[in-house]
Amino acid sequence: MGVFESLNNTSNKAVDLSEQFYRKTQEYYKLKVFHQLASTTGMFCKMAILGSLAFLGILFLTVGGTLYLGNVLGSMVYSCLLVAGLFFILVAILFRLRRKIDNAIVKKLSRKFFN
């Protein structure tokens, strides 16, 4: 009888420890998911704020540069065409670099997500 009681006590302790481990693991993953969601939400909010401010800055810089270039060239049409051409060149360069940009984003996010 002593052996069976000892085995029963040992198995009960093992079950208790495994249940405790399960609860702690569940709590850990809840905290990890919360941390990832908070980090991601914060990152997207910062990107939205900074992106909108950068867009406004680029917009005003473009309009001011176009007006100035129109005065220098003496033709507003030519200045608008020149600025539009510069934007198309910038888009072509970014299109060429799209894979490098994607890889950089994945590397940065993977460091945050998997650590």
PDB file of N, CA and C in Angstrom:
ATOM      1  N   MET A   1       0.812  -1.190   0.000  1.00  0.00           N
ATOM      2  CA  MET A   1       0.000   0.000   0.000  1.00  0.00           C
ATOM      3  C   MET A   1       0.860   1.261   0.000  1.00  0.00           C
ATOM      4  N   GLY A   2       1.989   1.227   0.667  1.00  0.00           N
ATOM      5  CA  GLY A   2       2.851   2.396   0.755  1.00  0.00           C
ATOM      6  C   GLY A   2       3.371   2.823  -0.604  1.00  0.00           C
ATOM      7  N   VAL A   3       3.656   1.855  -1.459  1.00  0.00           N
ATOM      8  CA  VAL A   3       4.160   2.160  -2.795  1.00  0.00           C
ATOM      9  C   VAL A   3       3.076   2.826  -3.628  1.00  0.00           C
ATOM     10  N   PHE A   4       1.852   2.289  -3.558  1.00  0.00           N
ATOM     11  CA  PHE A   4       0.756   2.862  -4.333  1.00  0.00           C
ATOM     12  C   PHE A   4       0.408   4.277  -3.856  1.00  0.00           C
ATOM     13  N   GLU A   5       0.441   4.502  -2.559  1.00  0.00           N
ATOM     14  CA  GLU A   5       0.182   5.853  -2.030  1.00  0.00           C
ATOM     15  C   GLU A   5       1.277   6.814  -2.462  1.00  0.00           C
ATOM     16  N   SER A   6       2.517   6.343  -2.449  1.00  0.00           N
ATOM     17  CA  SER A   6       3.639   7.173  -2.883  1.00  0.00           C
ATOM     18  C   SER A   6       3.513   7.530  -4.364  1.00  0.00           C
ATOM     19  N   LEU A   7       3.148   6.535  -5.192  1.00  0.00           N
ATOM     20  CA  LEU A   7       2.928   6.802  -6.619  1.00  0.00           C
ATOM     21  C   LEU A   7       1.761   7.769  -6.818  1.00  0.00           C
ATOM     22  N   ASN A   8       0.700   7.605  -6.043  1.00  0.00           N
ATOM     23  CA  ASN A   8      -0.460   8.487  -6.141  1.00  0.00           C
ATOM     24  C   ASN A   8      -0.075   9.919  -5.766  1.00  0.00           C
ATOM     25  N   ASN A   9       0.669  10.061  -4.667  1.00  0.00           N
ATOM     26  CA  ASN A   9       1.114  11.403  -4.252  1.00  0.00           C
ATOM     27  C   ASN A   9       2.027  12.021  -5.291  1.00  0.00           C
ATOM     28  N   THR A  10       2.940  11.228  -5.845  1.00  0.00           N
ATOM     29  CA  THR A  10       3.861  11.739  -6.862  1.00  0.00           C
ATOM     30  C   THR A  10       3.100  12.154  -8.112  1.00  0.00           C
ATOM     31  N   SER A  11       2.155  11.346  -8.538  1.00  0.00           N
ATOM     32  CA  SER A  11       1.389  11.699  -9.736  1.00  0.00           C
ATOM     33  C   SER A  11       0.502  12.920  -9.477  1.00  0.00           C
ATOM     34  N   ASN A  12      -0.046  13.048  -8.282  1.00  0.00           N
ATOM     35  CA  ASN A  12      -0.838  14.240  -7.950  1.00  0.00           C
ATOM     36  C   ASN A  12       0.027  15.495  -7.968  1.00  0.00           C
ATOM     37  N   LYS A  13       1.257  15.385  -7.454  1.00  0.00           N
ATOM     38  CA  LYS A  13       2.180  16.529  -7.480  1.00  0.00           C
ATOM     39  C   LYS A  13       2.542  16.880  -8.919  1.00  0.00           C
ATOM     40  N   ALA A  14       2.758  15.867  -9.750  1.00  0.00           N
ATOM     41  CA  ALA A  14       3.088  16.116 -11.154  1.00  0.00           C
ATOM     42  C   ALA A  14       1.932  16.806 -11.867  1.00  0.00           C
ATOM     43  N   VAL A  15       0.724  16.377 -11.586  1.00  0.00           N
ATOM     44  CA  VAL A  15      -0.456  17.006 -12.197  1.00  0.00           C
ATOM     45  C   VAL A  15      -0.580  18.446 -11.715  1.00  0.00           C
ATOM     46  N   ASP A  16      -0.388  18.681 -10.431  1.00  0.00           N
ATOM     47  CA  ASP A  16      -0.464  20.040  -9.892  1.00  0.00           C
ATOM     48  C   ASP A  16       0.603  20.937 -10.518  1.00  0.00           C
ATOM     49  N   LEU A  17       1.819  20.428 -10.632  1.00  0.00           N
ATOM     50  CA  LEU A  17       2.899  21.212 -11.238  1.00  0.00           C
ATOM     51  C   LEU A  17       2.624  21.499 -12.712  1.00  0.00           C
ATOM     52  N   SER A  18       2.093  20.521 -13.423  1.00  0.00           N
ATOM     53  CA  SER A  18       1.796  20.755 -14.840  1.00  0.00           C
ATOM     54  C   SER A  18       0.660  21.753 -15.012  1.00  0.00           C
ATOM     55  N   GLU A  19      -0.351  21.709 -14.134  1.00  0.00           N
ATOM     56  CA  GLU A  19      -1.428  22.702 -14.193  1.00  0.00           C
ATOM     57  C   GLU A  19      -0.904  24.093 -13.880  1.00  0.00           C
ATOM     58  N   GLN A  20      -0.028  24.185 -12.896  1.00  0.00           N
ATOM     59  CA  GLN A  20       0.572  25.480 -12.552  1.00  0.00           C
ATOM     60  C   GLN A  20       1.414  25.996 -13.715  1.00  0.00           C
ATOM     61  N   PHE A  21       2.197  25.111 -14.338  1.00  0.00           N
ATOM     62  CA  PHE A  21       3.009  25.499 -15.491  1.00  0.00           C
ATOM     63  C   PHE A  21       2.117  25.975 -16.634  1.00  0.00           C
ATOM     64  N   TYR A  22       1.010  25.303 -16.864  1.00  0.00           N
ATOM     65  CA  TYR A  22       0.071  25.684 -17.911  1.00  0.00           C
ATOM     66  C   TYR A  22      -0.503  27.074 -17.651  1.00  0.00           C
ATOM     67  N   ARG A  23      -0.906  27.331 -16.404  1.00  0.00           N
ATOM     68  CA  ARG A  23      -1.460  28.650 -16.060  1.00  0.00           C
ATOM     69  C   ARG A  23      -0.415  29.748 -16.244  1.00  0.00           C
ATOM     70  N   LYS A  24       0.810  29.485 -15.804  1.00  0.00           N
ATOM     71  CA  LYS A  24       1.868  30.496 -15.936  1.00  0.00           C
ATOM     72  C   LYS A  24       2.204  30.739 -17.402  1.00  0.00           C
ATOM     73  N   THR A  25       2.223  29.693 -18.198  1.00  0.00           N
ATOM     74  CA  THR A  25       2.493  29.842 -19.626  1.00  0.00           C
ATOM     75  C   THR A  25       1.383  30.640 -20.295  1.00  0.00           C
ATOM     76  N   GLN A  26       0.142  30.365 -19.894  1.00  0.00           N
ATOM     77  CA  GLN A  26      -0.994  31.100 -20.441  1.00  0.00           C
ATOM     78  C   GLN A  26      -0.902  32.584 -20.074  1.00  0.00           C
ATOM     79  N   GLU A  27      -0.548  32.888 -18.847  1.00  0.00           N
ATOM     80  CA  GLU A  27      -0.381  34.272 -18.417  1.00  0.00           C
ATOM     81  C   GLU A  27       0.749  34.951 -19.188  1.00  0.00           C
ATOM     82  N   TYR A  28       1.842  34.223 -19.384  1.00  0.00           N
ATOM     83  CA  TYR A  28       2.985  34.779 -20.115  1.00  0.00           C
ATOM     84  C   TYR A  28       2.579  35.144 -21.532  1.00  0.00           C
ATOM     85  N   TYR A  29       1.870  34.249 -22.206  1.00  0.00           N
ATOM     86  CA  TYR A  29       1.477  34.538 -23.585  1.00  0.00           C
ATOM     87  C   TYR A  29       0.447  35.654 -23.669  1.00  0.00           C
ATOM     88  N   LYS A  30      -0.413  35.773 -22.688  1.00  0.00           N
ATOM     89  CA  LYS A  30      -1.338  36.912 -22.666  1.00  0.00           C
ATOM     90  C   LYS A  30      -0.557  38.218 -22.556  1.00  0.00           C
ATOM     91  N   LEU A  31       0.428  38.255 -21.672  1.00  0.00           N
ATOM     92  CA  LEU A  31       1.246  39.461 -21.521  1.00  0.00           C
ATOM     93  C   LEU A  31       2.057  39.735 -22.783  1.00  0.00           C
ATOM     94  N   LYS A  32       2.568  38.690 -23.408  1.00  0.00           N
ATOM     95  CA  LYS A  32       3.359  38.856 -24.624  1.00  0.00           C
ATOM     96  C   LYS A  32       2.507  39.406 -25.755  1.00  0.00           C
ATOM     97  N   VAL A  33       1.293  38.897 -25.909  1.00  0.00           N
ATOM     98  CA  VAL A  33       0.387  39.395 -26.941  1.00  0.00           C
ATOM     99  C   VAL A  33       0.007  40.842 -26.651  1.00  0.00           C
ATOM    100  N   PHE A  34      -0.261  41.167 -25.395  1.00  0.00           N
ATOM    101  CA  PHE A  34      -0.581  42.549 -25.034  1.00  0.00           C
ATOM    102  C   PHE A  34       0.591  43.467 -25.358  1.00  0.00           C
ATOM    103  N   HIS A  35       1.782  43.038 -25.031  1.00  0.00           N
ATOM    104  CA  HIS A  35       2.984  43.838 -25.316  1.00  0.00           C
ATOM    105  C   HIS A  35       3.134  44.067 -26.813  1.00  0.00           C
ATOM    106  N   GLN A  36       2.949  43.026 -27.614  1.00  0.00           N
ATOM    107  CA  GLN A  36       3.071  43.157 -29.062  1.00  0.00           C
ATOM    108  C   GLN A  36       1.988  44.076 -29.630  1.00  0.00           C
ATOM    109  N   LEU A  37       0.763  43.930 -29.145  1.00  0.00           N
ATOM    110  CA  LEU A  37      -0.313  44.804 -29.623  1.00  0.00           C
ATOM    111  C   LEU A  37      -0.061  46.259 -29.245  1.00  0.00           C
ATOM    112  N   ALA A  38       0.395  46.481 -28.014  1.00  0.00           N
ATOM    113  CA  ALA A  38       0.679  47.848 -27.580  1.00  0.00           C
ATOM    114  C   ALA A  38       1.817  48.445 -28.391  1.00  0.00           C
ATOM    115  N   SER A  39       2.867  47.666 -28.624  1.00  0.00           N
ATOM    116  CA  SER A  39       4.000  48.156 -29.411  1.00  0.00           C
ATOM    117  C   SER A  39       3.581  48.466 -30.839  1.00  0.00           C
ATOM    118  N   THR A  40       2.810  47.573 -31.439  1.00  0.00           N
ATOM    119  CA  THR A  40       2.377  47.760 -32.821  1.00  0.00           C
ATOM    120  C   THR A  40       1.442  48.962 -32.944  1.00  0.00           C
ATOM    121  N   THR A  41       0.506  49.083 -32.016  1.00  0.00           N
ATOM    122  CA  THR A  41      -0.421  50.216 -32.053  1.00  0.00           C
ATOM    123  C   THR A  41       0.330  51.531 -31.875  1.00  0.00           C
ATOM    124  N   GLY A  42       1.254  51.560 -30.947  1.00  0.00           N
ATOM    125  CA  GLY A  42       2.059  52.763 -30.746  1.00  0.00           C
ATOM    126  C   GLY A  42       2.882  53.113 -31.966  1.00  0.00           C
ATOM    127  N   MET A  43       3.448  52.086 -32.609  1.00  0.00           N
ATOM    128  CA  MET A  43       4.254  52.325 -33.801  1.00  0.00           C
ATOM    129  C   MET A  43       3.390  52.891 -34.926  1.00  0.00           C
ATOM    130  N   PHE A  44       2.188  52.319 -35.123  1.00  0.00           N
ATOM    131  CA  PHE A  44       1.312  52.817 -36.180  1.00  0.00           C
ATOM    132  C   PHE A  44       0.815  54.231 -35.888  1.00  0.00           C
ATOM    133  N   CYS A  45       0.549  54.544 -34.635  1.00  0.00           N
ATOM    134  CA  CYS A  45       0.139  55.909 -34.290  1.00  0.00           C
ATOM    135  C   CYS A  45       1.259  56.903 -34.568  1.00  0.00           C
ATOM    136  N   LYS A  46       2.472  56.542 -34.165  1.00  0.00           N
ATOM    137  CA  LYS A  46       3.608  57.423 -34.443  1.00  0.00           C
ATOM    138  C   LYS A  46       3.824  57.590 -35.937  1.00  0.00           C
ATOM    139  N   MET A  47       3.692  56.484 -36.677  1.00  0.00           N
ATOM    140  CA  MET A  47       3.867  56.583 -38.131  1.00  0.00           C
ATOM    141  C   MET A  47       2.791  57.461 -38.754  1.00  0.00           C
ATOM    142  N   ALA A  48       1.562  57.358 -38.275  1.00  0.00           N
ATOM    143  CA  ALA A  48       0.474  58.170 -38.835  1.00  0.00           C
ATOM    144  C   ALA A  48       0.705  59.651 -38.552  1.00  0.00           C
ATOM    145  N   ILE A  49       1.094  59.969 -37.326  1.00  0.00           N
ATOM    146  CA  ILE A  49       1.330  61.377 -36.971  1.00  0.00           C
ATOM    147  C   ILE A  49       2.521  61.937 -37.742  1.00  0.00           C
ATOM    148  N   LEU A  50       3.641  61.215 -37.679  1.00  0.00           N
ATOM    149  CA  LEU A  50       4.838  61.702 -38.367  1.00  0.00           C
ATOM    150  C   LEU A  50       4.652  61.699 -39.879  1.00  0.00           C
ATOM    151  N   GLY A  51       3.958  60.693 -40.405  1.00  0.00           N
ATOM    152  CA  GLY A  51       3.720  60.639 -41.845  1.00  0.00           C
ATOM    153  C   GLY A  51       2.846  61.777 -42.332  1.00  0.00           C
ATOM    154  N   SER A  52       1.813  62.108 -41.562  1.00  0.00           N
ATOM    155  CA  SER A  52       0.932  63.205 -41.981  1.00  0.00           C
ATOM    156  C   SER A  52       1.659  64.543 -41.911  1.00  0.00           C
ATOM    157  N   LEU A  53       2.476  64.729 -40.875  1.00  0.00           N
ATOM    158  CA  LEU A  53       3.245  65.974 -40.789  1.00  0.00           C
ATOM    159  C   LEU A  53       4.295  66.060 -41.898  1.00  0.00           C
ATOM    160  N   ALA A  54       4.937  64.935 -42.201  1.00  0.00           N
ATOM    161  CA  ALA A  54       5.909  64.920 -43.293  1.00  0.00           C
ATOM    162  C   ALA A  54       5.220  65.180 -44.626  1.00  0.00           C
ATOM    163  N   PHE A  55       4.031  64.618 -44.814  1.00  0.00           N
ATOM    164  CA  PHE A  55       3.280  64.859 -46.051  1.00  0.00           C
ATOM    165  C   PHE A  55       2.937  66.334 -46.207  1.00  0.00           C
ATOM    166  N   LEU A  56       2.480  66.952 -45.120  1.00  0.00           N
ATOM    167  CA  LEU A  56       2.176  68.387 -45.185  1.00  0.00           C
ATOM    168  C   LEU A  56       3.430  69.205 -45.498  1.00  0.00           C
ATOM    169  N   GLY A  57       4.541  68.831 -44.871  1.00  0.00           N
ATOM    170  CA  GLY A  57       5.799  69.535 -45.149  1.00  0.00           C
ATOM    171  C   GLY A  57       6.219  69.398 -46.593  1.00  0.00           C
ATOM    172  N   ILE A  58       6.118  68.196 -47.133  1.00  0.00           N
ATOM    173  CA  ILE A  58       6.483  67.978 -48.537  1.00  0.00           C
ATOM    174  C   ILE A  58       5.531  68.721 -49.456  1.00  0.00           C
ATOM    175  N   LEU A  59       4.255  68.751 -49.098  1.00  0.00           N
ATOM    176  CA  LEU A  59       3.273  69.461 -49.911  1.00  0.00           C
ATOM    177  C   LEU A  59       3.593  70.958 -49.984  1.00  0.00           C
ATOM    178  N   PHE A  60       3.844  71.574 -48.825  1.00  0.00           N
ATOM    179  CA  PHE A  60       4.167  73.006 -48.820  1.00  0.00           C
ATOM    180  C   PHE A  60       5.512  73.277 -49.492  1.00  0.00           C
ATOM    181  N   LEU A  61       6.472  72.390 -49.298  1.00  0.00           N
ATOM    182  CA  LEU A  61       7.773  72.548 -49.953  1.00  0.00           C
ATOM    183  C   LEU A  61       7.621  72.461 -51.471  1.00  0.00           C
ATOM    184  N   THR A  62       6.784  71.551 -51.928  1.00  0.00           N
ATOM    185  CA  THR A  62       6.562  71.396 -53.364  1.00  0.00           C
ATOM    186  C   THR A  62       5.865  72.620 -53.955  1.00  0.00           C
ATOM    187  N   VAL A  63       4.835  73.090 -53.276  1.00  0.00           N
ATOM    188  CA  VAL A  63       4.112  74.265 -53.788  1.00  0.00           C
ATOM    189  C   VAL A  63       5.025  75.486 -53.795  1.00  0.00           C
ATOM    190  N   GLY A  64       5.753  75.685 -52.698  1.00  0.00           N
ATOM    191  CA  GLY A  64       6.674  76.827 -52.643  1.00  0.00           C
ATOM    192  C   GLY A  64       7.780  76.717 -53.677  1.00  0.00           C
ATOM    193  N   GLY A  65       8.338  75.516 -53.829  1.00  0.00           N
ATOM    194  CA  GLY A  65       9.384  75.315 -54.827  1.00  0.00           C
ATOM    195  C   GLY A  65       8.878  75.514 -56.237  1.00  0.00           C
ATOM    196  N   THR A  66       7.659  75.076 -56.495  1.00  0.00           N
ATOM    197  CA  THR A  66       7.081  75.253 -57.824  1.00  0.00           C
ATOM    198  C   THR A  66       6.845  76.729 -58.119  1.00  0.00           C
ATOM    199  N   LEU A  67       6.336  77.456 -57.138  1.00  0.00           N
ATOM    200  CA  LEU A  67       6.120  78.900 -57.340  1.00  0.00           C
ATOM    201  C   LEU A  67       7.442  79.628 -57.572  1.00  0.00           C
ATOM    202  N   TYR A  68       8.460  79.287 -56.782  1.00  0.00           N
ATOM    203  CA  TYR A  68       9.770  79.906 -56.946  1.00  0.00           C
ATOM    204  C   TYR A  68      10.363  79.562 -58.309  1.00  0.00           C
ATOM    205  N   LEU A  69      10.279  78.286 -58.684  1.00  0.00           N
ATOM    206  CA  LEU A  69      10.805  77.857 -59.971  1.00  0.00           C
ATOM    207  C   LEU A  69      10.050  78.523 -61.119  1.00  0.00           C
ATOM    208  N   GLY A  70       8.741  78.744 -60.927  1.00  0.00           N
ATOM    209  CA  GLY A  70       7.956  79.456 -61.939  1.00  0.00           C
ATOM    210  C   GLY A  70       8.449  80.880 -62.121  1.00  0.00           C
ATOM    211  N   ASN A  71       8.835  81.543 -61.018  1.00  0.00           N
ATOM    212  CA  ASN A  71       9.378  82.901 -61.124  1.00  0.00           C
ATOM    213  C   ASN A  71      10.749  82.894 -61.792  1.00  0.00           C
ATOM    214  N   VAL A  72      11.573  81.911 -61.463  1.00  0.00           N
ATOM    215  CA  VAL A  72      12.921  81.842 -62.035  1.00  0.00           C
ATOM    216  C   VAL A  72      12.859  81.520 -63.520  1.00  0.00           C
ATOM    217  N   LEU A  73      12.054  80.536 -63.900  1.00  0.00           N
ATOM    218  CA  LEU A  73      11.951  80.137 -65.301  1.00  0.00           C
ATOM    219  C   LEU A  73      11.074  81.083 -66.114  1.00  0.00           C
ATOM    220  N   GLY A  74      10.216  81.816 -65.455  1.00  0.00           N
ATOM    221  CA  GLY A  74       9.313  82.715 -66.155  1.00  0.00           C
ATOM    222  C   GLY A  74       8.081  82.015 -66.680  1.00  0.00           C
ATOM    223  N   SER A  75       7.903  80.771 -66.347  1.00  0.00           N
ATOM    224  CA  SER A  75       6.734  80.029 -66.821  1.00  0.00           C
ATOM    225  C   SER A  75       6.300  79.054 -65.732  1.00  0.00           C
ATOM    226  N   MET A  76       5.067  79.202 -65.322  1.00  0.00           N
ATOM    227  CA  MET A  76       4.537  78.326 -64.287  1.00  0.00           C
ATOM    228  C   MET A  76       4.315  76.918 -64.833  1.00  0.00           C
ATOM    229  N   VAL A  77       3.989  76.812 -66.107  1.00  0.00           N
ATOM    230  CA  VAL A  77       3.749  75.501 -66.717  1.00  0.00           C
ATOM    231  C   VAL A  77       5.033  74.678 -66.702  1.00  0.00           C
ATOM    232  N   TYR A  78       6.135  75.286 -67.101  1.00  0.00           N
ATOM    233  CA  TYR A  78       7.405  74.558 -67.118  1.00  0.00           C
ATOM    234  C   TYR A  78       7.833  74.141 -65.709  1.00  0.00           C
ATOM    235  N   SER A  79       7.589  75.002 -64.744  1.00  0.00           N
ATOM    236  CA  SER A  79       7.978  74.655 -63.377  1.00  0.00           C
ATOM    237  C   SER A  79       7.139  73.489 -62.853  1.00  0.00           C
ATOM    238  N   CYS A  80       5.840  73.479 -63.172  1.00  0.00           N
ATOM    239  CA  CYS A  80       4.991  72.353 -62.749  1.00  0.00           C
ATOM    240  C   CYS A  80       5.429  71.066 -63.424  1.00  0.00           C
ATOM    241  N   LEU A  81       5.761  71.134 -64.715  1.00  0.00           N
ATOM    242  CA  LEU A  81       6.227  69.943 -65.428  1.00  0.00           C
ATOM    243  C   LEU A  81       7.551  69.441 -64.859  1.00  0.00           C
ATOM    244  N   LEU A  82       8.440  70.352 -64.502  1.00  0.00           N
ATOM    245  CA  LEU A  82       9.729  69.966 -63.941  1.00  0.00           C
ATOM    246  C   LEU A  82       9.560  69.292 -62.574  1.00  0.00           C
ATOM    247  N   VAL A  83       8.718  69.860 -61.740  1.00  0.00           N
ATOM    248  CA  VAL A  83       8.477  69.275 -60.414  1.00  0.00           C
ATOM    249  C   VAL A  83       7.791  67.912 -60.555  1.00  0.00           C
ATOM    250  N   ALA A  84       6.834  67.802 -61.468  1.00  0.00           N
ATOM    251  CA  ALA A  84       6.166  66.511 -61.697  1.00  0.00           C
ATOM    252  C   ALA A  84       7.175  65.478 -62.192  1.00  0.00           C
ATOM    253  N   GLY A  85       8.075  65.889 -63.071  1.00  0.00           N
ATOM    254  CA  GLY A  85       9.126  64.985 -63.551  1.00  0.00           C
ATOM    255  C   GLY A  85      10.032  64.520 -62.422  1.00  0.00           C
ATOM    256  N   LEU A  86      10.364  65.424 -61.497  1.00  0.00           N
ATOM    257  CA  LEU A  86      11.184  65.036 -60.351  1.00  0.00           C
ATOM    258  C   LEU A  86      10.461  64.019 -59.465  1.00  0.00           C
ATOM    259  N   PHE A  87       9.160  64.206 -59.309  1.00  0.00           N
ATOM    260  CA  PHE A  87       8.387  63.234 -58.528  1.00  0.00           C
ATOM    261  C   PHE A  87       8.346  61.871 -59.213  1.00  0.00           C
ATOM    262  N   PHE A  88       8.214  61.855 -60.545  1.00  0.00           N
ATOM    263  CA  PHE A  88       8.208  60.578 -61.255  1.00  0.00           C
ATOM    264  C   PHE A  88       9.562  59.876 -61.159  1.00  0.00           C
ATOM    265  N   ILE A  89      10.639  60.649 -61.191  1.00  0.00           N
ATOM    266  CA  ILE A  89      11.976  60.060 -61.008  1.00  0.00           C
ATOM    267  C   ILE A  89      12.100  59.471 -59.604  1.00  0.00           C
ATOM    268  N   LEU A  90      11.605  60.182 -58.598  1.00  0.00           N
ATOM    269  CA  LEU A  90      11.632  59.684 -57.228  1.00  0.00           C
ATOM    270  C   LEU A  90      10.805  58.398 -57.084  1.00  0.00           C
ATOM    271  N   VAL A  91       9.644  58.358 -57.722  1.00  0.00           N
ATOM    272  CA  VAL A  91       8.796  57.162 -57.683  1.00  0.00           C
ATOM    273  C   VAL A  91       9.505  55.991 -58.359  1.00  0.00           C
ATOM    274  N   ALA A  92      10.182  56.239 -59.473  1.00  0.00           N
ATOM    275  CA  ALA A  92      10.901  55.168 -60.171  1.00  0.00           C
ATOM    276  C   ALA A  92      12.035  54.614 -59.307  1.00  0.00           C
ATOM    277  N   ILE A  93      12.747  55.493 -58.614  1.00  0.00           N
ATOM    278  CA  ILE A  93      13.831  55.052 -57.725  1.00  0.00           C
ATOM    279  C   ILE A  93      13.264  54.216 -56.582  1.00  0.00           C
ATOM    280  N   LEU A  94      12.195  54.687 -55.968  1.00  0.00           N
ATOM    281  CA  LEU A  94      11.576  53.930 -54.878  1.00  0.00           C
ATOM    282  C   LEU A  94      11.000  52.604 -55.361  1.00  0.00           C
ATOM    283  N   PHE A  95      10.487  52.575 -56.574  1.00  0.00           N
ATOM    284  CA  PHE A  95       9.977  51.329 -57.127  1.00  0.00           C
ATOM    285  C   PHE A  95      11.105  50.317 -57.307  1.00  0.00           C
ATOM    286  N   ARG A  96      12.265  50.804 -57.722  1.00  0.00           N
ATOM    287  CA  ARG A  96      13.429  49.926 -57.872  1.00  0.00           C
ATOM    288  C   ARG A  96      13.906  49.380 -56.525  1.00  0.00           C
ATOM    289  N   LEU A  97      13.767  50.181 -55.488  1.00  0.00           N
ATOM    290  CA  LEU A  97      14.254  49.803 -54.157  1.00  0.00           C
ATOM    291  C   LEU A  97      13.188  49.141 -53.290  1.00  0.00           C
ATOM    292  N   ARG A  98      12.041  48.786 -53.853  1.00  0.00           N
ATOM    293  CA  ARG A  98      10.923  48.287 -53.050  1.00  0.00           C
ATOM    294  C   ARG A  98      11.256  47.013 -52.290  1.00  0.00           C
ATOM    295  N   ARG A  99      12.046  46.118 -52.864  1.00  0.00           N
ATOM    296  CA  ARG A  99      12.385  44.873 -52.156  1.00  0.00           C
ATOM    297  C   ARG A  99      13.298  45.150 -50.970  1.00  0.00           C
ATOM    298  N   LYS A 100      14.227  46.075 -51.142  1.00  0.00           N
ATOM    299  CA  LYS A 100      15.111  46.428 -50.020  1.00  0.00           C
ATOM    300  C   LYS A 100      14.323  47.097 -48.899  1.00  0.00           C
ATOM    301  N   ILE A 101      13.352  47.912 -49.276  1.00  0.00           N
ATOM    302  CA  ILE A 101      12.516  48.568 -48.280  1.00  0.00           C
ATOM    303  C   ILE A 101      11.677  47.523 -47.538  1.00  0.00           C
ATOM    304  N   ASP A 102      11.094  46.576 -48.286  1.00  0.00           N
ATOM    305  CA  ASP A 102      10.312  45.504 -47.652  1.00  0.00           C
ATOM    306  C   ASP A 102      11.173  44.676 -46.708  1.00  0.00           C
ATOM    307  N   ASN A 103      12.381  44.331 -47.138  1.00  0.00           N
ATOM    308  CA  ASN A 103      13.270  43.532 -46.290  1.00  0.00           C
ATOM    309  C   ASN A 103      13.652  44.280 -45.019  1.00  0.00           C
ATOM    310  N   ALA A 104      13.901  45.572 -45.135  1.00  0.00           N
ATOM    311  CA  ALA A 104      14.253  46.369 -43.953  1.00  0.00           C
ATOM    312  C   ALA A 104      13.083  46.422 -42.969  1.00  0.00           C
ATOM    313  N   ILE A 105      11.875  46.562 -43.486  1.00  0.00           N
ATOM    314  CA  ILE A 105      10.700  46.602 -42.615  1.00  0.00           C
ATOM    315  C   ILE A 105      10.497  45.262 -41.920  1.00  0.00           C
ATOM    316  N   VAL A 106      10.650  44.170 -42.666  1.00  0.00           N
ATOM    317  CA  VAL A 106      10.479  42.844 -42.069  1.00  0.00           C
ATOM    318  C   VAL A 106      11.539  42.591 -41.001  1.00  0.00           C
ATOM    319  N   LYS A 107      12.782  42.986 -41.261  1.00  0.00           N
ATOM    320  CA  LYS A 107      13.841  42.795 -40.271  1.00  0.00           C
ATOM    321  C   LYS A 107      13.550  43.582 -39.002  1.00  0.00           C
ATOM    322  N   LYS A 108      13.128  44.826 -39.160  1.00  0.00           N
ATOM    323  CA  LYS A 108      12.861  45.652 -37.995  1.00  0.00           C
ATOM    324  C   LYS A 108      11.680  45.109 -37.183  1.00  0.00           C
ATOM    325  N   LEU A 109      10.614  44.728 -37.871  1.00  0.00           N
ATOM    326  CA  LEU A 109       9.450  44.197 -37.167  1.00  0.00           C
ATOM    327  C   LEU A 109       9.738  42.833 -36.547  1.00  0.00           C
ATOM    328  N   SER A 110      10.552  42.018 -37.200  1.00  0.00           N
ATOM    329  CA  SER A 110      10.847  40.702 -36.636  1.00  0.00           C
ATOM    330  C   SER A 110      11.667  40.821 -35.360  1.00  0.00           C
ATOM    331  N   ARG A 111      12.559  41.806 -35.295  1.00  0.00           N
ATOM    332  CA  ARG A 111      13.307  42.021 -34.053  1.00  0.00           C
ATOM    333  C   ARG A 111      12.364  42.376 -32.910  1.00  0.00           C
ATOM    334  N   LYS A 112      11.380  43.231 -33.186  1.00  0.00           N
ATOM    335  CA  LYS A 112      10.424  43.606 -32.133  1.00  0.00           C
ATOM    336  C   LYS A 112       9.489  42.460 -31.789  1.00  0.00           C
ATOM    337  N   PHE A 113       9.032  41.736 -32.807  1.00  0.00           N
ATOM    338  CA  PHE A 113       8.004  40.721 -32.579  1.00  0.00           C
ATOM    339  C   PHE A 113       8.555  39.475 -31.909  1.00  0.00           C
ATOM    340  N   PHE A 114       9.737  39.034 -32.306  1.00  0.00           N
ATOM    341  CA  PHE A 114      10.257  37.768 -31.798  1.00  0.00           C
ATOM    342  C   PHE A 114      11.152  37.907 -30.575  1.00  0.00           C
ATOM    343  N   ASN A 115      11.329  39.112 -30.071  1.00  0.00           N
ATOM    344  CA  ASN A 115      12.117  39.305 -28.841  1.00  0.00           C
ATOM    345  C   ASN A 115      11.237  39.669 -27.685  1.00  0.00           C
TER     346      ASN A 115
END
